[in-house]
């Protein structure tokens, strides 16, 4: 990417996002970059990190599975990349299930890709204070917008009530 200064990338991990949802989650600026193993070619799980001056400031994990995911199980597990501090289910019905923590979020929705039926996205903020709840609203806004855009990008239906997705 190679952006410098305060120019937040228009695409993060291949998904377009308005910087107004990203800026509240970043406490510094510098040279933006990206580390990604998300290739879209049959990958079941893939990490992607937004970097500032080569250090991760947002860590994403894209995952596809054949079974639905118990988000609270992964959000609360110490053995999971998705472990969040003080995880709570989101009360907003945004077409996908979401759990928000002080330092990130995890969402899942119906999405057919190969033999997978569900898409799960984890976003972690490694620099967030684990005891601070101030970012929760900004994390929830970001996750709602980013997840919706990612579902469109991957040609999903956004997790309809019937759990079906477009072919």
N, C-alpha and C. Protein backbone atom coordinates (compact mmCIF):
# COMPACT_ATOMS: atom_id res chain seq x y z
N UNK A 1 0.81 -1.18 0.00
CA UNK A 1 0.00 0.00 0.00
C UNK A 1 0.86 1.25 0.00
N UNK A 2 1.67 1.41 1.04
CA UNK A 2 2.63 2.49 1.04
C UNK A 2 2.07 3.88 1.25
N UNK A 3 0.87 4.04 1.82
CA UNK A 3 0.34 5.36 2.12
C UNK A 3 1.15 5.98 3.25
N UNK A 4 1.21 7.30 3.29
CA UNK A 4 1.96 7.95 4.36
C UNK A 4 1.07 8.94 5.10
N UNK A 5 1.53 9.36 6.26
CA UNK A 5 0.79 10.33 7.04
C UNK A 5 -0.53 9.78 7.53
N UNK A 6 -1.57 10.61 7.47
CA UNK A 6 -2.87 10.24 8.00
C UNK A 6 -3.81 9.65 6.96
N UNK A 7 -3.34 9.33 5.77
CA UNK A 7 -4.20 8.82 4.71
C UNK A 7 -4.55 7.36 4.96
N UNK A 8 -5.74 7.13 5.52
CA UNK A 8 -6.19 5.77 5.77
C UNK A 8 -6.57 5.14 4.43
N UNK A 9 -6.14 3.91 4.18
CA UNK A 9 -6.48 3.25 2.91
C UNK A 9 -7.98 3.16 2.69
N UNK A 10 -8.42 3.31 1.45
CA UNK A 10 -9.84 3.20 1.12
C UNK A 10 -10.30 1.74 1.17
N UNK A 11 -9.36 0.83 0.98
CA UNK A 11 -9.64 -0.61 1.09
C UNK A 11 -8.74 -1.17 2.17
N UNK A 12 -9.35 -1.96 3.05
CA UNK A 12 -8.58 -2.67 4.06
C UNK A 12 -8.86 -4.15 3.86
N UNK A 13 -7.80 -4.90 3.62
CA UNK A 13 -7.91 -6.34 3.35
C UNK A 13 -8.88 -6.60 2.20
N UNK A 14 -8.81 -5.74 1.17
CA UNK A 14 -9.59 -5.92 -0.04
C UNK A 14 -11.02 -5.44 0.03
N UNK A 15 -11.46 -4.94 1.17
CA UNK A 15 -12.84 -4.49 1.34
C UNK A 15 -12.86 -2.98 1.53
N UNK A 16 -13.70 -2.30 0.74
CA UNK A 16 -13.80 -0.85 0.84
C UNK A 16 -14.50 -0.46 2.14
N UNK A 17 -13.96 0.58 2.79
CA UNK A 17 -14.52 1.07 4.05
C UNK A 17 -14.23 2.57 4.14
N UNK A 18 -15.22 3.33 4.58
CA UNK A 18 -15.05 4.76 4.76
C UNK A 18 -14.15 5.00 5.96
N UNK A 19 -13.19 5.91 5.82
CA UNK A 19 -12.22 6.14 6.89
C UNK A 19 -12.87 6.63 8.18
N UNK A 20 -14.08 7.18 8.12
CA UNK A 20 -14.72 7.66 9.36
C UNK A 20 -15.02 6.54 10.33
N UNK A 21 -15.09 5.29 9.83
CA UNK A 21 -15.30 4.14 10.71
C UNK A 21 -13.98 3.57 11.23
N UNK A 22 -12.90 3.87 10.53
CA UNK A 22 -11.58 3.35 10.89
C UNK A 22 -10.85 4.29 11.84
N UNK A 23 -10.88 5.59 11.55
CA UNK A 23 -10.11 6.58 12.31
C UNK A 23 -10.29 6.46 13.82
N UNK A 24 -11.52 6.29 14.37
CA UNK A 24 -11.68 6.22 15.83
C UNK A 24 -10.97 5.01 16.47
N UNK A 25 -10.60 4.02 15.65
CA UNK A 25 -9.97 2.81 16.18
C UNK A 25 -8.45 2.87 16.18
N UNK A 26 -7.90 3.91 15.58
CA UNK A 26 -6.45 4.06 15.48
C UNK A 26 -5.99 5.20 16.37
N UNK A 27 -4.97 4.96 17.17
CA UNK A 27 -4.48 6.00 18.06
C UNK A 27 -3.19 6.65 17.57
N UNK A 28 -2.78 6.32 16.37
CA UNK A 28 -1.58 6.93 15.82
C UNK A 28 -1.67 6.96 14.30
N UNK A 29 -0.69 7.57 13.68
CA UNK A 29 -0.65 7.61 12.22
C UNK A 29 0.78 7.33 11.78
N UNK A 30 0.93 7.12 10.51
CA UNK A 30 2.24 6.83 9.96
C UNK A 30 2.07 6.24 8.58
N UNK A 31 3.00 5.40 8.19
CA UNK A 31 2.98 4.77 6.87
C UNK A 31 2.13 3.50 6.95
N UNK A 32 1.01 3.50 6.24
CA UNK A 32 0.12 2.34 6.24
C UNK A 32 0.64 1.26 5.32
N UNK A 33 0.39 0.03 5.70
CA UNK A 33 0.73 -1.13 4.89
C UNK A 33 -0.25 -2.24 5.22
N UNK A 34 -0.04 -3.37 4.58
CA UNK A 34 -0.94 -4.49 4.81
C UNK A 34 -0.18 -5.80 4.64
N UNK A 35 -0.46 -6.71 5.54
CA UNK A 35 0.03 -8.08 5.40
C UNK A 35 -1.21 -8.93 5.18
N UNK A 36 -1.25 -9.68 4.09
CA UNK A 36 -2.45 -10.46 3.80
C UNK A 36 -2.12 -11.82 3.20
N UNK A 37 -2.85 -12.83 3.67
CA UNK A 37 -2.79 -14.16 3.06
C UNK A 37 -4.16 -14.50 2.51
N UNK A 38 -5.00 -13.50 2.35
CA UNK A 38 -6.34 -13.67 1.81
C UNK A 38 -6.26 -13.63 0.30
N UNK A 39 -6.40 -14.80 -0.32
CA UNK A 39 -6.28 -14.85 -1.78
C UNK A 39 -7.59 -15.20 -2.46
N UNK A 40 -8.59 -15.64 -1.71
CA UNK A 40 -9.88 -15.95 -2.28
C UNK A 40 -9.92 -17.20 -3.12
N UNK A 41 -8.85 -17.94 -3.21
CA UNK A 41 -8.79 -19.13 -4.06
C UNK A 41 -8.83 -20.40 -3.22
N UNK A 42 -9.96 -20.67 -2.62
CA UNK A 42 -10.12 -21.91 -1.89
C UNK A 42 -9.60 -21.88 -0.46
N UNK A 43 -9.17 -20.72 0.02
CA UNK A 43 -8.67 -20.60 1.37
C UNK A 43 -9.80 -20.75 2.38
N UNK A 44 -9.59 -21.57 3.43
CA UNK A 44 -10.59 -21.75 4.48
C UNK A 44 -10.44 -20.69 5.57
N UNK A 45 -9.22 -20.33 5.90
CA UNK A 45 -8.96 -19.26 6.86
C UNK A 45 -7.78 -18.44 6.34
N UNK A 46 -7.83 -17.15 6.63
CA UNK A 46 -6.73 -16.30 6.17
C UNK A 46 -6.62 -15.08 7.08
N UNK A 47 -5.38 -14.76 7.48
CA UNK A 47 -5.16 -13.54 8.24
C UNK A 47 -4.91 -12.37 7.29
N UNK A 48 -5.17 -11.17 7.80
CA UNK A 48 -4.83 -9.95 7.09
C UNK A 48 -4.69 -8.88 8.16
N UNK A 49 -3.58 -8.14 8.14
CA UNK A 49 -3.33 -7.11 9.13
C UNK A 49 -3.16 -5.76 8.47
N UNK A 50 -3.78 -4.73 9.07
CA UNK A 50 -3.50 -3.36 8.69
C UNK A 50 -2.32 -2.92 9.54
N UNK A 51 -1.29 -2.40 8.89
CA UNK A 51 -0.06 -2.03 9.58
C UNK A 51 0.13 -0.52 9.55
N UNK A 52 0.74 0.01 10.60
CA UNK A 52 1.26 1.36 10.59
C UNK A 52 2.74 1.24 10.95
N UNK A 53 3.56 1.71 10.04
CA UNK A 53 5.02 1.61 10.21
C UNK A 53 5.44 0.17 10.54
N UNK A 54 4.85 -0.78 9.82
CA UNK A 54 5.16 -2.21 9.91
C UNK A 54 4.67 -2.90 11.18
N UNK A 55 3.86 -2.24 12.00
CA UNK A 55 3.30 -2.86 13.20
C UNK A 55 1.79 -3.00 13.05
N UNK A 56 1.24 -4.17 13.39
CA UNK A 56 -0.20 -4.38 13.24
C UNK A 56 -1.01 -3.47 14.17
N UNK A 57 -2.00 -2.78 13.58
CA UNK A 57 -2.91 -1.95 14.36
C UNK A 57 -4.35 -2.49 14.28
N UNK A 58 -4.63 -3.30 13.25
CA UNK A 58 -5.90 -4.02 13.13
C UNK A 58 -5.58 -5.39 12.56
N UNK A 59 -6.01 -6.44 13.27
CA UNK A 59 -5.76 -7.81 12.83
C UNK A 59 -7.10 -8.44 12.44
N UNK A 60 -7.17 -8.91 11.20
CA UNK A 60 -8.38 -9.54 10.67
C UNK A 60 -8.12 -11.03 10.49
N UNK A 61 -9.17 -11.82 10.68
CA UNK A 61 -9.11 -13.24 10.35
C UNK A 61 -10.40 -13.59 9.63
N UNK A 62 -10.28 -14.00 8.40
CA UNK A 62 -11.39 -14.41 7.55
C UNK A 62 -11.48 -15.92 7.60
N UNK A 63 -12.67 -16.45 7.85
CA UNK A 63 -12.81 -17.91 7.94
C UNK A 63 -14.14 -18.36 7.34
N UNK A 64 -14.09 -19.49 6.64
CA UNK A 64 -15.29 -20.11 6.09
C UNK A 64 -15.42 -21.50 6.70
N UNK A 65 -16.65 -21.89 7.03
CA UNK A 65 -16.88 -23.21 7.64
C UNK A 65 -18.19 -23.79 7.14
N UNK A 66 -18.33 -25.10 7.30
CA UNK A 66 -19.57 -25.75 6.89
C UNK A 66 -20.63 -25.68 7.97
N UNK A 67 -20.22 -25.47 9.21
CA UNK A 67 -21.17 -25.40 10.33
C UNK A 67 -21.20 -23.99 10.89
N UNK A 68 -22.32 -23.64 11.52
CA UNK A 68 -22.41 -22.33 12.16
C UNK A 68 -21.43 -22.28 13.33
N UNK A 69 -21.04 -21.07 13.69
CA UNK A 69 -20.03 -20.85 14.72
C UNK A 69 -20.69 -20.26 15.97
N UNK A 70 -20.33 -20.80 17.13
CA UNK A 70 -20.77 -20.25 18.40
C UNK A 70 -19.82 -19.11 18.75
N UNK A 71 -20.23 -17.88 18.44
CA UNK A 71 -19.34 -16.74 18.60
C UNK A 71 -18.88 -16.52 20.04
N UNK A 72 -19.77 -16.70 21.00
CA UNK A 72 -19.38 -16.48 22.40
C UNK A 72 -18.31 -17.49 22.83
N UNK A 73 -18.40 -18.71 22.31
CA UNK A 73 -17.39 -19.72 22.64
C UNK A 73 -16.01 -19.25 22.18
N UNK A 74 -15.92 -18.78 20.93
CA UNK A 74 -14.63 -18.33 20.40
C UNK A 74 -14.20 -17.00 20.99
N UNK A 75 -15.15 -16.11 21.23
CA UNK A 75 -14.82 -14.80 21.78
C UNK A 75 -14.28 -14.89 23.20
N UNK A 76 -14.74 -15.89 23.96
CA UNK A 76 -14.34 -16.02 25.36
C UNK A 76 -13.18 -17.00 25.57
N UNK A 77 -12.82 -17.77 24.57
CA UNK A 77 -11.80 -18.81 24.72
C UNK A 77 -10.39 -18.24 24.74
N UNK A 78 -9.62 -18.63 25.72
CA UNK A 78 -8.21 -18.21 25.80
C UNK A 78 -7.37 -18.89 24.73
N UNK A 79 -7.88 -19.97 24.12
CA UNK A 79 -7.13 -20.72 23.11
C UNK A 79 -7.53 -20.33 21.69
N UNK A 80 -8.21 -19.20 21.53
CA UNK A 80 -8.70 -18.80 20.22
C UNK A 80 -8.09 -17.47 19.80
N UNK A 81 -7.79 -17.33 18.50
CA UNK A 81 -7.34 -16.05 17.97
C UNK A 81 -8.44 -15.02 18.14
N UNK A 82 -9.68 -15.46 18.24
CA UNK A 82 -10.82 -14.57 18.35
C UNK A 82 -11.09 -14.11 19.77
N UNK A 83 -10.25 -14.48 20.72
CA UNK A 83 -10.48 -14.11 22.12
C UNK A 83 -10.61 -12.60 22.26
N UNK A 84 -11.71 -12.17 22.88
CA UNK A 84 -11.97 -10.75 23.10
C UNK A 84 -12.08 -10.46 24.59
N UNK A 85 -11.78 -9.23 24.96
CA UNK A 85 -11.92 -8.81 26.34
C UNK A 85 -13.36 -8.38 26.59
N UNK A 86 -14.00 -8.93 27.61
CA UNK A 86 -15.37 -8.62 27.99
C UNK A 86 -16.34 -8.73 26.80
N UNK A 87 -16.40 -9.90 26.15
CA UNK A 87 -17.28 -10.05 24.98
C UNK A 87 -18.76 -9.99 25.37
N UNK A 88 -19.53 -9.30 24.51
CA UNK A 88 -20.99 -9.23 24.68
C UNK A 88 -21.63 -9.29 23.30
N UNK A 89 -22.76 -9.98 23.24
CA UNK A 89 -23.50 -10.04 21.97
C UNK A 89 -24.00 -8.65 21.61
N UNK A 90 -23.96 -8.34 20.35
CA UNK A 90 -24.48 -7.07 19.86
C UNK A 90 -25.99 -7.14 19.86
N UNK A 91 -26.64 -6.06 20.24
CA UNK A 91 -28.09 -6.05 20.30
C UNK A 91 -28.71 -5.61 18.98
N UNK A 92 -27.90 -5.08 18.08
CA UNK A 92 -28.44 -4.64 16.79
C UNK A 92 -28.56 -5.82 15.84
N UNK A 93 -29.70 -5.89 15.15
CA UNK A 93 -29.90 -6.94 14.15
C UNK A 93 -29.43 -6.40 12.81
N UNK A 94 -28.24 -6.76 12.41
CA UNK A 94 -27.64 -6.22 11.19
C UNK A 94 -27.55 -7.27 10.08
N UNK A 95 -28.28 -8.35 10.20
CA UNK A 95 -28.22 -9.39 9.18
C UNK A 95 -27.13 -10.41 9.45
N UNK A 96 -26.36 -10.18 10.50
CA UNK A 96 -25.34 -11.14 10.90
C UNK A 96 -25.21 -11.08 12.41
N UNK A 97 -24.73 -12.17 12.98
CA UNK A 97 -24.53 -12.25 14.43
C UNK A 97 -23.17 -11.67 14.78
N UNK A 98 -23.12 -10.85 15.83
CA UNK A 98 -21.87 -10.19 16.21
C UNK A 98 -21.69 -10.19 17.72
N UNK A 99 -20.43 -10.36 18.13
CA UNK A 99 -20.02 -10.21 19.52
C UNK A 99 -18.96 -9.12 19.54
N UNK A 100 -19.13 -8.15 20.45
CA UNK A 100 -18.21 -7.02 20.56
C UNK A 100 -17.44 -7.13 21.87
N UNK A 101 -16.14 -6.84 21.81
CA UNK A 101 -15.30 -6.79 23.01
C UNK A 101 -14.66 -5.42 23.13
N UNK A 102 -13.88 -5.21 24.17
CA UNK A 102 -13.16 -3.95 24.35
C UNK A 102 -12.06 -3.78 23.31
N UNK A 103 -11.62 -4.89 22.72
CA UNK A 103 -10.46 -4.86 21.83
C UNK A 103 -10.72 -5.51 20.47
N UNK A 104 -12.00 -5.61 20.09
CA UNK A 104 -12.31 -6.18 18.79
C UNK A 104 -13.71 -6.74 18.71
N UNK A 105 -13.96 -7.50 17.65
CA UNK A 105 -15.29 -8.07 17.43
C UNK A 105 -15.17 -9.33 16.58
N UNK A 106 -16.22 -10.13 16.61
CA UNK A 106 -16.32 -11.31 15.76
C UNK A 106 -17.76 -11.38 15.25
N UNK A 107 -17.91 -11.62 13.95
CA UNK A 107 -19.24 -11.71 13.32
C UNK A 107 -19.29 -12.94 12.44
N UNK A 108 -20.50 -13.45 12.26
CA UNK A 108 -20.70 -14.58 11.36
C UNK A 108 -22.03 -14.42 10.62
N UNK A 109 -22.08 -14.99 9.43
CA UNK A 109 -23.28 -14.95 8.60
C UNK A 109 -23.26 -16.09 7.60
N UNK A 110 -24.43 -16.40 7.07
CA UNK A 110 -24.51 -17.40 6.01
C UNK A 110 -23.75 -16.89 4.79
N UNK A 111 -22.96 -17.78 4.18
CA UNK A 111 -22.19 -17.41 2.99
C UNK A 111 -21.68 -18.69 2.34
N UNK A 112 -22.16 -18.97 1.16
CA UNK A 112 -21.72 -20.18 0.47
C UNK A 112 -20.45 -19.91 -0.32
N UNK A 113 -19.42 -20.72 -0.04
CA UNK A 113 -18.14 -20.64 -0.77
C UNK A 113 -17.60 -22.06 -0.82
N UNK A 114 -17.60 -22.65 -2.00
CA UNK A 114 -17.19 -24.06 -2.12
C UNK A 114 -18.10 -24.91 -1.27
N UNK A 115 -17.53 -25.71 -0.37
CA UNK A 115 -18.36 -26.54 0.50
C UNK A 115 -18.67 -25.86 1.84
N UNK A 116 -18.28 -24.60 1.99
CA UNK A 116 -18.56 -23.85 3.21
C UNK A 116 -19.91 -23.14 3.11
N UNK A 117 -20.58 -23.00 4.26
CA UNK A 117 -21.88 -22.35 4.30
C UNK A 117 -21.90 -21.09 5.16
N UNK A 118 -20.82 -20.86 5.91
CA UNK A 118 -20.76 -19.72 6.82
C UNK A 118 -19.44 -18.98 6.69
N UNK A 119 -19.52 -17.67 6.83
CA UNK A 119 -18.35 -16.80 6.85
C UNK A 119 -18.26 -16.17 8.24
N UNK A 120 -17.06 -16.20 8.81
CA UNK A 120 -16.83 -15.59 10.12
C UNK A 120 -15.64 -14.64 10.00
N UNK A 121 -15.80 -13.45 10.54
CA UNK A 121 -14.76 -12.43 10.51
C UNK A 121 -14.43 -12.01 11.93
N UNK A 122 -13.15 -12.06 12.25
CA UNK A 122 -12.67 -11.55 13.53
C UNK A 122 -11.80 -10.33 13.26
N UNK A 123 -12.01 -9.28 14.04
CA UNK A 123 -11.17 -8.08 13.98
C UNK A 123 -10.67 -7.81 15.39
N UNK A 124 -9.36 -7.71 15.52
CA UNK A 124 -8.74 -7.43 16.83
C UNK A 124 -7.92 -6.15 16.72
N UNK A 125 -7.89 -5.40 17.81
CA UNK A 125 -7.11 -4.18 17.90
C UNK A 125 -6.01 -4.42 18.94
N UNK A 126 -4.81 -4.81 18.50
CA UNK A 126 -3.77 -5.20 19.45
C UNK A 126 -3.31 -4.09 20.38
N UNK A 127 -3.51 -2.83 20.02
CA UNK A 127 -3.08 -1.72 20.87
C UNK A 127 -4.19 -1.24 21.81
N UNK A 128 -5.39 -1.81 21.72
CA UNK A 128 -6.49 -1.36 22.57
C UNK A 128 -6.25 -1.77 24.02
N UNK A 129 -6.64 -0.91 24.91
CA UNK A 129 -6.53 -1.22 26.33
C UNK A 129 -7.58 -2.27 26.68
N UNK A 130 -7.15 -3.35 27.25
CA UNK A 130 -8.06 -4.46 27.52
C UNK A 130 -9.09 -4.12 28.60
N UNK A 131 -8.83 -3.08 29.42
CA UNK A 131 -9.77 -2.73 30.48
C UNK A 131 -10.65 -1.54 30.11
N UNK A 132 -10.42 -0.95 28.95
CA UNK A 132 -11.12 0.25 28.54
C UNK A 132 -12.33 -0.10 27.66
N UNK A 133 -13.49 0.40 28.00
CA UNK A 133 -14.71 0.11 27.22
C UNK A 133 -15.06 1.23 26.26
N UNK A 134 -14.25 2.27 26.18
CA UNK A 134 -14.58 3.44 25.36
C UNK A 134 -14.67 3.14 23.87
N UNK A 135 -13.94 2.15 23.38
CA UNK A 135 -13.93 1.85 21.94
C UNK A 135 -15.11 1.00 21.49
N UNK A 136 -15.87 0.44 22.40
CA UNK A 136 -16.92 -0.53 22.03
C UNK A 136 -17.88 0.00 20.98
N UNK A 137 -18.37 1.24 21.13
CA UNK A 137 -19.31 1.80 20.15
C UNK A 137 -18.66 1.95 18.78
N UNK A 138 -17.41 2.42 18.76
CA UNK A 138 -16.70 2.57 17.49
C UNK A 138 -16.41 1.22 16.85
N UNK A 139 -16.07 0.23 17.68
CA UNK A 139 -15.84 -1.13 17.17
C UNK A 139 -17.13 -1.68 16.57
N UNK A 140 -18.25 -1.48 17.26
CA UNK A 140 -19.55 -1.98 16.77
C UNK A 140 -19.91 -1.33 15.43
N UNK A 141 -19.72 -0.02 15.31
CA UNK A 141 -20.02 0.68 14.05
C UNK A 141 -19.12 0.15 12.93
N UNK A 142 -17.82 0.06 13.21
CA UNK A 142 -16.88 -0.45 12.21
C UNK A 142 -17.28 -1.85 11.76
N UNK A 143 -17.52 -2.73 12.72
CA UNK A 143 -17.81 -4.12 12.38
C UNK A 143 -19.09 -4.25 11.57
N UNK A 144 -20.11 -3.49 11.92
CA UNK A 144 -21.36 -3.53 11.16
C UNK A 144 -21.16 -3.15 9.70
N UNK A 145 -20.43 -2.06 9.47
CA UNK A 145 -20.20 -1.58 8.11
C UNK A 145 -19.24 -2.50 7.37
N UNK A 146 -18.15 -2.91 8.02
CA UNK A 146 -17.15 -3.74 7.35
C UNK A 146 -17.71 -5.12 7.02
N UNK A 147 -18.43 -5.71 7.96
CA UNK A 147 -18.99 -7.05 7.72
C UNK A 147 -19.99 -7.01 6.56
N UNK A 148 -20.83 -5.98 6.53
CA UNK A 148 -21.79 -5.85 5.43
C UNK A 148 -21.06 -5.75 4.09
N UNK A 149 -20.00 -4.93 4.04
CA UNK A 149 -19.23 -4.77 2.81
C UNK A 149 -18.51 -6.07 2.44
N UNK A 150 -17.98 -6.80 3.44
CA UNK A 150 -17.30 -8.07 3.17
C UNK A 150 -18.28 -9.11 2.63
N UNK A 151 -19.48 -9.15 3.19
CA UNK A 151 -20.49 -10.09 2.70
C UNK A 151 -20.86 -9.80 1.25
N UNK A 152 -20.95 -8.52 0.91
CA UNK A 152 -21.21 -8.15 -0.49
C UNK A 152 -20.02 -8.53 -1.37
N UNK A 153 -18.83 -8.27 -0.88
CA UNK A 153 -17.61 -8.59 -1.64
C UNK A 153 -17.53 -10.07 -1.96
N UNK A 154 -17.90 -10.91 -0.99
CA UNK A 154 -17.84 -12.36 -1.18
C UNK A 154 -19.14 -12.92 -1.74
N UNK A 155 -20.03 -12.03 -2.20
CA UNK A 155 -21.29 -12.40 -2.84
C UNK A 155 -22.18 -13.24 -1.93
N UNK A 156 -22.31 -12.80 -0.68
CA UNK A 156 -23.18 -13.47 0.29
C UNK A 156 -24.49 -12.70 0.38
N UNK A 157 -25.48 -13.31 0.97
CA UNK A 157 -26.76 -12.63 1.14
C UNK A 157 -26.84 -11.85 2.44
N UNK A 158 -25.77 -11.84 3.24
CA UNK A 158 -25.76 -11.10 4.48
C UNK A 158 -26.37 -11.86 5.63
N UNK A 159 -26.56 -13.16 5.48
CA UNK A 159 -27.07 -13.96 6.58
C UNK A 159 -28.56 -13.82 6.76
N UNK A 160 -29.31 -14.15 5.74
CA UNK A 160 -30.77 -14.01 5.81
C UNK A 160 -31.35 -14.85 6.95
N UNK A 161 -32.57 -14.54 7.31
CA UNK A 161 -33.22 -15.24 8.42
C UNK A 161 -33.31 -16.74 8.19
N UNK A 162 -33.33 -17.13 6.93
CA UNK A 162 -33.49 -18.57 6.62
C UNK A 162 -32.15 -19.28 6.47
N UNK A 163 -31.05 -18.53 6.60
CA UNK A 163 -29.73 -19.16 6.55
C UNK A 163 -29.32 -19.60 5.16
N UNK A 164 -29.93 -19.05 4.15
CA UNK A 164 -29.57 -19.43 2.79
C UNK A 164 -28.68 -18.34 2.20
N UNK A 165 -27.98 -18.70 1.16
CA UNK A 165 -27.17 -17.72 0.47
C UNK A 165 -27.31 -17.90 -1.01
N UNK A 166 -26.93 -16.84 -1.75
CA UNK A 166 -27.00 -16.90 -3.20
C UNK A 166 -26.02 -17.92 -3.74
N UNK A 167 -26.36 -18.50 -4.87
CA UNK A 167 -25.47 -19.46 -5.51
C UNK A 167 -24.47 -18.76 -6.37
